[in-house]
Amino acid sequence: VRVKSFDFACTWRKPHLRTPGYIFGQRGVVEEFIGCYANPELVAFADPKVASPKCRLYRVRFLMRDIWTPKGADFGGEDSITAEVYEPWLELEDGSATHGDDGAPAPKRTKVHHHHEHHDHGDHKHVSPAE
């Protein structure tokens, strides 16, 4: 998948963008579907009496060399970072939307092998759709 580039004509004020700016326009691999949650960009400006529509949240892996490496420099091969990105910010590499009209699960998951401990965010918990 690719993270959409930020459009300065966007209706959202920058402080309310949950997607980190350094991954705008970057290609990554979906590692995990986390669940469906209210879109925080809509919640920030919505009437609290009106329920915000839910959207899918994914954990996406990006190679650090693709994001921060100056041309010709080596950034350690396969070192990577992950970011949680809501589906409206994702598109397939051909530029098409990541979901179908029927709301079926979005980006096809590519199997990724990673060997590290996962950590708790401390300030919030992600619950599965079944909970």
Protein backbone atom coordinates (compact mmCIF):
# COMPACT_ATOMS: atom_id res chain seq x y z
CA VAL A 1 0.00 0.00 0.00
CA ARG A 2 0.97 3.64 -0.19
CA VAL A 3 0.07 6.42 2.23
CA LYS A 4 -1.67 9.25 0.40
CA SER A 5 0.21 12.51 0.10
CA PHE A 6 -1.07 15.41 2.16
CA ASP A 7 -3.20 17.78 0.12
CA PHE A 8 -2.88 21.32 1.46
CA ALA A 9 -6.43 21.93 0.23
CA CYS A 10 -7.50 19.26 2.73
CA THR A 11 -10.33 20.26 5.03
CA TRP A 12 -8.52 19.06 8.17
CA ARG A 13 -6.29 21.27 10.24
CA LYS A 14 -2.81 19.79 10.56
CA PRO A 15 -2.83 19.27 14.33
CA HIS A 16 -5.73 16.85 13.86
CA LEU A 17 -4.02 14.66 11.28
CA ARG A 18 -3.22 11.35 12.94
CA THR A 19 -1.01 10.15 10.08
CA PRO A 20 2.65 11.19 10.60
CA GLY A 21 3.82 13.60 7.92
CA TYR A 22 7.06 11.72 7.27
CA ILE A 23 5.12 8.79 5.77
CA PHE A 24 2.99 10.85 3.35
CA GLY A 25 3.48 9.36 -0.12
CA GLN A 26 5.55 6.42 1.22
CA ARG A 27 5.07 2.75 0.33
CA GLY A 28 4.62 0.24 3.12
CA VAL A 29 3.36 -3.25 3.90
CA VAL A 30 0.22 -3.89 5.94
CA GLU A 31 1.27 -6.03 8.90
CA GLU A 32 -1.97 -6.16 10.83
CA PHE A 33 -5.62 -5.15 10.77
CA ILE A 34 -6.17 -3.63 14.22
CA GLY A 35 -9.91 -3.00 14.15
CA CYS A 36 -12.60 -0.46 13.30
CA TYR A 37 -12.71 2.83 15.19
CA ALA A 38 -14.22 6.27 14.83
CA ASN A 39 -12.08 8.36 12.48
CA PRO A 40 -10.22 10.76 14.83
CA GLU A 41 -10.10 13.46 12.15
CA LEU A 42 -13.90 13.48 12.00
CA VAL A 43 -14.28 13.21 15.77
CA ALA A 44 -12.09 16.30 16.25
CA PHE A 45 -14.59 18.49 14.39
CA ALA A 46 -17.87 16.57 14.67
CA ASP A 47 -20.87 17.35 16.79
CA PRO A 48 -20.45 15.13 19.88
CA LYS A 49 -24.13 14.17 19.62
CA VAL A 50 -23.59 12.62 16.18
CA ALA A 51 -21.84 9.25 15.96
CA SER A 52 -18.80 9.29 13.69
CA PRO A 53 -18.57 6.52 11.10
CA LYS A 54 -16.06 3.78 11.87
CA CYS A 55 -13.08 3.14 9.65
CA ARG A 56 -10.41 0.46 9.56
CA LEU A 57 -7.09 0.95 11.35
CA TYR A 58 -3.98 -0.88 10.12
CA ARG A 59 -0.44 -1.31 11.35
CA VAL A 60 1.82 -0.61 8.36
CA ARG A 61 5.57 -1.27 8.14
CA PHE A 62 7.91 1.11 6.28
CA LEU A 63 11.60 0.59 5.50
CA MET A 64 13.59 3.34 7.17
CA ARG A 65 15.91 3.65 4.17
CA ASP A 66 12.90 4.60 2.03
CA ILE A 67 11.91 7.41 4.39
CA TRP A 68 15.08 8.98 5.77
CA THR A 69 18.10 7.85 3.78
CA PRO A 70 19.91 10.47 1.73
CA LYS A 71 20.71 9.24 -1.75
CA GLY A 72 23.65 6.86 -1.71
CA ALA A 73 23.62 6.27 2.07
CA ASP A 74 23.01 2.91 3.72
CA PHE A 75 20.47 2.80 6.55
CA GLY A 76 20.95 -0.75 7.77
CA GLY A 77 19.20 -2.86 5.16
CA GLU A 78 15.84 -4.00 6.46
CA ASP A 79 15.47 -1.71 9.51
CA SER A 80 11.88 -0.56 9.64
CA ILE A 81 9.30 1.43 11.54
CA THR A 82 5.60 0.78 11.96
CA ALA A 83 2.75 3.25 12.12
CA GLU A 84 -0.96 2.87 12.71
CA VAL A 85 -2.75 4.34 9.70
CA TYR A 86 -6.48 4.69 9.12
CA GLU A 87 -7.79 3.35 5.82
CA PRO A 88 -8.79 6.74 4.34
CA TRP A 89 -5.06 7.57 4.21
CA LEU A 90 -4.15 4.35 2.35
CA GLU A 91 -4.30 3.53 -1.33
CA LEU A 92 -3.10 0.61 -3.40
CA GLU A 93 0.16 1.23 -5.23
CA ASP A 94 -1.75 1.79 -8.48
CA GLY A 95 -3.55 4.72 -6.79
CA SER A 96 -6.90 2.95 -6.40
CA ALA A 97 -8.95 2.86 -3.22
CA THR A 98 -8.20 0.17 -0.66
CA HIS A 99 -11.77 -1.01 -0.11
CA GLY A 100 -14.62 -2.28 -2.21
CA ASP A 101 -18.18 -1.02 -2.38
CA ASP A 102 -19.29 -3.78 -0.04
CA GLY A 103 -16.91 -2.72 2.75
CA ALA A 104 -15.00 -6.00 2.56
CA PRO A 105 -11.65 -6.20 4.33
CA ALA A 106 -9.24 -3.85 2.68
CA PRO A 107 -5.61 -4.19 1.67
CA LYS A 108 -4.48 -7.71 1.02
CA ARG A 109 -2.09 -8.58 3.78
CA THR A 110 1.42 -9.49 2.79
CA LYS A 111 3.05 -11.95 5.15
CA VAL A 112 5.82 -10.23 7.06
CA HIS A 113 8.28 -11.95 9.37
CA HIS A 114 9.35 -9.83 12.29
CA HIS A 115 10.91 -10.91 15.53
CA HIS A 116 10.55 -8.37 18.29
CA GLU A 117 8.45 -7.67 21.36
CA HIS A 118 5.26 -5.70 20.93
CA HIS A 119 4.65 -2.96 23.44
CA ASP A 120 1.68 -1.44 25.17
CA HIS A 121 0.83 2.15 24.30
CA GLY A 122 0.14 2.82 27.99
CA ASP A 123 -2.42 5.54 27.41
CA HIS A 124 -4.99 3.53 25.42
CA LYS A 125 -6.00 0.02 24.46
CA HIS A 126 -7.03 -1.31 21.07
CA VAL A 127 -9.90 -3.75 21.37
CA SER A 128 -10.79 -6.30 18.76
CA PRO A 129 -14.11 -5.93 16.91
CA ALA A 130 -15.37 -9.00 18.82
CA GLU A 131 -14.94 -7.29 22.22
